Structure formats: structure tokens, C-alpha cells
Amino acid sequence: MPSQALRGGESSERRPGRASKAVLLVRDLDAALRRVADPVRAVNEKAYLKSPIEHYGVTVPATRSAVKHVLGVYRPLSHRQLVDVVQRLWSSPIHEQRMAAVMLLEQRSDEMEPADLPMIERMIRGSFTWAYVDDLAASVAGPLVERRPELAGELDQWAEDDCFWIRRSAMLALLGGLRRGKGDWKRFVRYADGMLDEKEFFIRKAIGWVLRETSKKRPDLVRRYVASRLDRLAGLTFRAAVKRLPAADREELETAYGSRP
């Protein structure tokens, strides 16, 4: 049964038996992250991500390793406890703890349920960087919607949201299936067409990214899409979209793109 915290109900703080495990896990995870902290990397990473919060300077692989280790130590971790831990980590003003929250959801993505989608959306909406958003969208929300197609309507709403991170996430949630040569191409086309004229860098980049990954398995779909929208594709989007197409197709499209009025 999903945690009531997901539904905006009773906080797990009122259940000391359950909360204690979450508290201990967060404590041990933070200690593990601090042990591999790099102050120089912290300064550089904070500047690169334009991050307003504190950084320990832990690499992504090291953070992932710490998450995996602590999960093993505290196994079994119920869905309710997982949500408790994620919410504690996500409320932290420390980048690596927030990243660990995303990684926990990613590692347990096969256990996510429809009632978890609002929590995932809140996390995306409360992010300020692709470093959280992209994994939440592609590796957590995406697999959930694939397993539960009735949630696709939620993505339709995301695609029209005022927040560009949410709009970006609507497309990236479709990335996994399209990357495997399956997925909902028609839905992606609908989303992308609705955003092609946007100036936002992260929207343009997301469209190109999904097109590039789709082209690895279904190049004809991407070639036809690009060829029919040359007058609307931003340079950033176009370059990513054609990057993995067969050489002949790529060169033909580049010539056509370059000769536009």
C-alpha cells in the first residue's frame, strides 16, 4: 500500500517505528557521502550547475555506490519506508542528498505505483537543474507510465504545463521506450510539435535528444520527421536529431537545412 505521505495525508513522522529506520538510513548515507567528499569538486560542480544549495563534491558513481550500499544494509525497505527516506533526502539543502533521493527512486522504479506520480511531479517541479529532472523523468516517471498506460493522460497535462521542466519531462518520460525501438512515437510527435517554436534551450535540447535516441533503432521515423519540419527546427534540435542517422540521410538533410530561405 503506498505511503499516505504520497497522498498528502498523515506524515510518517507520526509513526516512530517506521521513521526510525528512515532516520538511520539517511544518517548513514550522509556519513558515507561525507567520507568521499571533495571540497574542490564541490566548488566547481556548484558553479557548473549554477546550484543555490550546498555541495559535498561527490561524484555520481560514488553517490550511486553509497546509495546501493546503504540500501543493502537496510534491506528490506518497504515502499512506505522508501518514500519516507526519499522525502527526507529531497528536503535536504545538500545536492548529494537530493541526488540520492532520485537514485533511490531510480533503483526501485519497478515498485513505483500510480499514487507515486504526484510525488515525482512535485520533485521535478521543485528541481532547478537537469541533474535531477532528467533521471526523474526518464528513469522513474517513464517506466511507471510504460507499466501503467492509463497514466499517459498525466503526461499530456505535463506537456502543456507552464513550467518548462515539466514540459521537458513529458518528452523524456517517453525516452526509454523509444530508445528501445518501441514506445509511443505518436505521443512524442504531438508533444514535440507543440514545443518546436519554443526558445527555451532545455526544451529544444530535449526534442533533439529524443529524436537522436529514436534514430538509433528507427532512423526512418526520425528522417521523415526532420525532413517535414526543416523550417521549424532550431539548429540545436536539428544537429542532435540527425547526428546518428545514416550518413547519406544526414548529409541530405544537412544540405536541405542549410539551403532554407
Protein backbone atom coordinates (compact mmCIF):
# COMPACT_ATOMS: atom_id res chain seq x y z
CA MET A 1 0.00 0.00 0.00
CA PRO A 2 1.60 3.35 -0.95
CA SER A 3 2.61 5.72 1.82
CA GLN A 4 -0.04 8.22 2.84
CA ALA A 5 2.71 10.83 2.57
CA LEU A 6 2.39 10.46 -1.18
CA ARG A 7 -1.24 11.39 -1.00
CA GLY A 8 -0.69 14.40 1.22
CA GLY A 9 -2.04 12.54 4.23
CA GLU A 10 -0.55 11.53 7.56
CA SER A 11 3.18 12.12 7.84
CA SER A 12 5.46 9.19 8.60
CA GLU A 13 6.87 11.35 11.42
CA ARG A 14 3.87 10.12 13.44
CA ARG A 15 4.99 6.51 13.07
CA PRO A 16 8.23 6.29 15.10
CA GLY A 17 8.82 2.62 14.29
CA ARG A 18 8.87 3.27 10.57
CA ALA A 19 10.52 6.68 10.74
CA SER A 20 13.43 5.41 12.83
CA LYS A 21 14.67 3.20 10.02
CA ALA A 22 14.46 6.09 7.60
CA VAL A 23 16.32 8.37 10.02
CA LEU A 24 19.11 5.83 10.46
CA LEU A 25 19.40 5.20 6.75
CA VAL A 26 19.62 8.92 5.94
CA ARG A 27 22.21 9.37 8.70
CA ASP A 28 24.39 6.53 7.44
CA LEU A 29 24.05 7.61 3.83
CA ASP A 30 25.09 11.15 4.70
CA ALA A 31 28.11 9.81 6.59
CA ALA A 32 29.08 7.69 3.57
CA LEU A 33 28.80 10.70 1.27
CA ARG A 34 30.86 12.89 3.58
CA ARG A 35 33.66 10.31 3.64
CA VAL A 36 34.19 10.71 -0.12
CA ALA A 37 33.56 14.45 -0.29
CA ASP A 38 35.91 16.59 -2.38
CA PRO A 39 35.80 20.31 -1.49
CA VAL A 40 37.45 21.37 -4.75
CA ARG A 41 34.97 19.38 -6.81
CA ALA A 42 32.15 20.81 -4.70
CA VAL A 43 33.06 24.37 -5.69
CA ASN A 44 33.41 23.50 -9.37
CA GLU A 45 30.22 21.43 -9.53
CA LYS A 46 28.18 24.07 -7.72
CA ALA A 47 29.35 26.64 -10.26
CA TYR A 48 28.73 24.34 -13.23
CA LEU A 49 25.18 23.53 -12.17
CA LYS A 50 24.54 27.12 -11.03
CA SER A 51 23.30 25.48 -7.86
CA PRO A 52 21.99 27.54 -4.92
CA ILE A 53 22.49 24.71 -2.41
CA GLU A 54 25.47 23.11 -0.67
CA HIS A 55 27.60 20.50 -2.45
CA TYR A 56 29.86 17.86 -0.93
CA GLY A 57 31.66 17.29 -4.21
CA VAL A 58 30.87 13.56 -4.51
CA THR A 59 30.93 12.03 -8.00
CA VAL A 60 27.77 10.50 -9.45
CA PRO A 61 29.27 6.95 -9.42
CA ALA A 62 30.34 7.36 -5.79
CA THR A 63 26.91 8.66 -4.81
CA ARG A 64 25.26 5.75 -6.61
CA SER A 65 27.61 3.30 -4.86
CA ALA A 66 26.79 4.78 -1.45
CA VAL A 67 23.06 4.53 -2.17
CA LYS A 68 23.38 0.90 -3.26
CA HIS A 69 25.44 0.00 -0.19
CA VAL A 70 23.10 1.61 2.30
CA LEU A 71 20.07 0.07 0.62
CA GLY A 72 21.72 -3.32 1.08
CA VAL A 73 22.41 -2.69 4.75
CA TYR A 74 18.83 -1.61 5.46
CA ARG A 75 17.13 -4.27 3.36
CA PRO A 76 14.25 -4.95 3.38
CA LEU A 77 12.91 -1.44 2.87
CA SER A 78 9.18 -1.26 2.32
CA HIS A 79 7.57 1.07 -0.16
CA ARG A 80 6.34 3.23 2.70
CA GLN A 81 9.83 3.41 4.18
CA LEU A 82 11.34 4.14 0.78
CA VAL A 83 9.04 7.12 0.36
CA ASP A 84 9.92 8.33 3.86
CA VAL A 85 13.64 8.19 3.05
CA VAL A 86 13.16 9.89 -0.32
CA GLN A 87 11.17 12.73 1.20
CA ARG A 88 13.77 13.27 3.93
CA LEU A 89 16.61 13.34 1.42
CA TRP A 90 14.74 15.56 -1.01
CA SER A 91 14.04 18.14 1.70
CA SER A 92 17.78 18.47 2.32
CA PRO A 93 19.71 21.59 1.26
CA ILE A 94 22.59 19.34 0.13
CA HIS A 95 22.92 18.39 -3.54
CA GLU A 96 24.18 14.84 -2.99
CA GLN A 97 21.32 14.01 -0.65
CA ARG A 98 18.80 15.25 -3.20
CA MET A 99 20.60 13.27 -5.89
CA ALA A 100 20.48 10.21 -3.64
CA ALA A 101 16.70 10.62 -3.37
CA VAL A 102 16.46 10.49 -7.16
CA MET A 103 18.76 7.45 -7.31
CA LEU A 104 16.70 5.61 -4.71
CA LEU A 105 13.59 6.06 -6.83
CA GLU A 106 15.52 5.02 -9.92
CA GLN A 107 16.84 1.84 -8.29
CA ARG A 108 13.34 0.94 -7.04
CA SER A 109 11.49 2.25 -10.09
CA ASP A 110 9.79 -1.09 -10.70
CA GLU A 111 7.92 -0.61 -7.40
CA MET A 112 6.51 2.80 -8.21
CA GLU A 113 2.72 2.98 -8.33
CA PRO A 114 0.23 5.42 -9.85
CA ALA A 115 -0.19 7.13 -6.49
CA ASP A 116 3.53 7.96 -6.58
CA LEU A 117 3.33 10.08 -9.72
CA PRO A 118 2.26 13.27 -7.88
CA MET A 119 5.34 12.96 -5.66
CA ILE A 120 7.57 12.53 -8.72
CA GLU A 121 5.94 15.57 -10.32
CA ARG A 122 6.49 17.65 -7.19
CA MET A 123 10.14 16.69 -7.19
CA ILE A 124 10.52 17.68 -10.84
CA ARG A 125 8.69 20.92 -10.24
CA GLY A 126 10.90 21.66 -7.24
CA SER A 127 14.11 20.97 -9.14
CA PHE A 128 16.26 23.71 -10.56
CA THR A 129 18.55 21.62 -12.73
CA TRP A 130 18.56 18.89 -15.35
CA ALA A 131 20.77 16.90 -12.95
CA TYR A 132 17.60 15.87 -11.06
CA VAL A 133 14.92 16.36 -13.67
CA ASP A 134 16.25 14.06 -16.38
CA ASP A 135 16.54 10.95 -14.22
CA LEU A 136 13.21 11.61 -12.51
CA ALA A 137 11.54 11.90 -15.91
CA ALA A 138 13.30 9.23 -17.95
CA SER A 139 14.17 6.66 -15.27
CA VAL A 140 11.32 7.00 -12.75
CA ALA A 141 8.22 8.54 -14.34
CA GLY A 142 8.88 6.92 -17.71
CA PRO A 143 8.97 3.28 -16.56
CA LEU A 144 5.92 3.89 -14.37
CA VAL A 145 3.87 5.25 -17.27
CA GLU A 146 5.03 2.38 -19.50
CA ARG A 147 3.76 -0.12 -16.94
CA ARG A 148 0.57 1.81 -16.32
CA PRO A 149 -0.56 3.30 -19.67
CA GLU A 150 -3.59 4.90 -18.06
CA LEU A 151 -1.17 7.49 -16.66
CA ALA A 152 -0.33 8.78 -20.14
CA GLY A 153 -3.03 11.41 -19.71
CA GLU A 154 -0.93 12.89 -16.91
CA LEU A 155 1.92 13.30 -19.38
CA ASP A 156 -0.48 15.10 -21.73
CA GLN A 157 -1.04 17.64 -18.97
CA TRP A 158 2.68 17.89 -18.31
CA ALA A 159 3.27 18.71 -21.98
CA GLU A 160 1.14 21.84 -21.61
CA ASP A 161 2.37 22.92 -18.19
CA ASP A 162 3.68 26.43 -17.55
CA CYS A 163 6.91 25.01 -16.06
CA PHE A 164 9.39 24.15 -18.79
CA TRP A 165 10.97 21.43 -16.64
CA ILE A 166 7.59 19.68 -16.52
CA ARG A 167 7.16 20.07 -20.29
CA ARG A 168 10.66 18.69 -20.83
CA SER A 169 9.81 15.78 -18.54
CA ALA A 170 6.72 14.88 -20.59
CA MET A 171 9.00 14.16 -23.56
CA LEU A 172 11.78 12.50 -21.57
CA ALA A 173 9.28 10.15 -19.92
CA LEU A 174 8.85 8.62 -23.39
CA LEU A 175 12.59 8.27 -23.98
CA GLY A 176 13.10 4.74 -22.63
CA GLY A 177 10.59 3.05 -24.88
CA LEU A 178 11.63 5.00 -27.97
CA ARG A 179 15.28 4.25 -27.28
CA ARG A 180 14.48 0.52 -27.32
CA GLY A 181 12.77 0.81 -30.70
CA LYS A 182 9.30 0.77 -29.19
CA GLY A 183 7.47 3.46 -27.24
CA ASP A 184 4.78 5.96 -28.05
CA TRP A 185 6.14 7.78 -31.11
CA LYS A 186 2.84 9.44 -31.95
CA ARG A 187 2.57 10.93 -28.49
CA PHE A 188 6.14 12.22 -28.66
CA VAL A 189 5.46 13.82 -32.05
CA ARG A 190 2.41 15.54 -30.62
CA TYR A 191 4.40 16.88 -27.69
CA ALA A 192 7.39 17.92 -29.80
CA ASP A 193 5.24 19.65 -32.42
CA GLY A 194 3.64 21.67 -29.68
CA MET A 195 7.05 22.86 -28.45
CA LEU A 196 9.06 23.26 -31.65
CA ASP A 197 8.65 27.03 -31.67
CA GLU A 198 9.79 27.48 -28.08
CA LYS A 199 13.01 29.39 -27.41
CA GLU A 200 13.83 27.59 -24.16
CA PHE A 201 17.21 25.82 -24.51
CA PHE A 202 16.21 22.79 -22.41
CA ILE A 203 13.08 22.19 -24.48
CA ARG A 204 14.96 22.40 -27.77
CA LYS A 205 17.67 20.11 -26.41
CA ALA A 206 15.14 17.54 -25.16
CA ILE A 207 13.41 17.30 -28.53
CA GLY A 208 16.74 16.72 -30.26
CA TRP A 209 17.83 14.22 -27.63
CA VAL A 210 14.73 12.05 -28.02
CA LEU A 211 14.98 12.22 -31.81
CA ARG A 212 18.63 11.20 -31.71
CA GLU A 213 17.96 8.22 -29.45
CA THR A 214 14.95 7.14 -31.50
CA SER A 215 17.02 7.26 -34.69
CA LYS A 216 19.33 4.51 -33.41
CA LYS A 217 16.55 1.92 -33.82
CA ARG A 218 14.09 3.62 -36.17
CA PRO A 219 16.01 6.05 -38.36
CA ASP A 220 13.27 6.28 -40.98
CA LEU A 221 10.84 7.76 -38.45
CA VAL A 222 13.30 10.45 -37.49
CA ARG A 223 14.38 11.17 -41.06
CA ARG A 224 10.78 11.74 -42.13
CA TYR A 225 10.04 13.85 -39.07
CA VAL A 226 13.05 16.11 -39.62
CA ALA A 227 12.53 16.39 -43.38
CA SER A 228 8.95 17.58 -42.93
CA ARG A 229 9.83 20.21 -40.30
CA LEU A 230 13.07 21.77 -41.53
CA ASP A 231 11.58 25.24 -41.37
CA ARG A 232 10.69 24.87 -37.68
CA LEU A 233 13.66 23.03 -36.19
CA ALA A 234 16.14 25.09 -34.19
CA GLY A 235 19.78 24.44 -35.02
CA LEU A 236 20.39 22.78 -31.65
CA THR A 237 17.47 20.41 -32.19
CA PHE A 238 18.36 19.67 -35.80
CA ARG A 239 22.01 18.84 -35.10
CA ALA A 240 21.10 16.38 -32.35
CA ALA A 241 18.28 14.80 -34.39
CA VAL A 242 20.45 13.94 -37.41
CA LYS A 243 23.62 13.01 -35.54
CA ARG A 244 23.02 9.23 -35.56
CA LEU A 245 21.21 8.94 -38.88
CA PRO A 246 22.88 7.01 -41.73
CA ALA A 247 25.49 9.24 -43.40
CA ALA A 248 23.56 9.64 -46.66
CA ASP A 249 20.37 10.70 -44.89
CA ARG A 250 22.24 13.04 -42.58
CA GLU A 251 24.10 14.75 -45.42
CA GLU A 252 20.92 15.16 -47.47
CA LEU A 253 19.10 16.74 -44.55
CA GLU A 254 22.04 18.98 -43.69
CA THR A 255 22.12 20.26 -47.24
CA ALA A 256 18.38 20.92 -47.21
CA TYR A 257 18.57 22.59 -43.78
CA GLY A 258 21.42 24.80 -44.87
CA SER A 259 19.62 25.94 -48.05
CA ARG A 260 16.48 27.11 -46.30
CA PRO A 261 15.39 30.64 -47.26
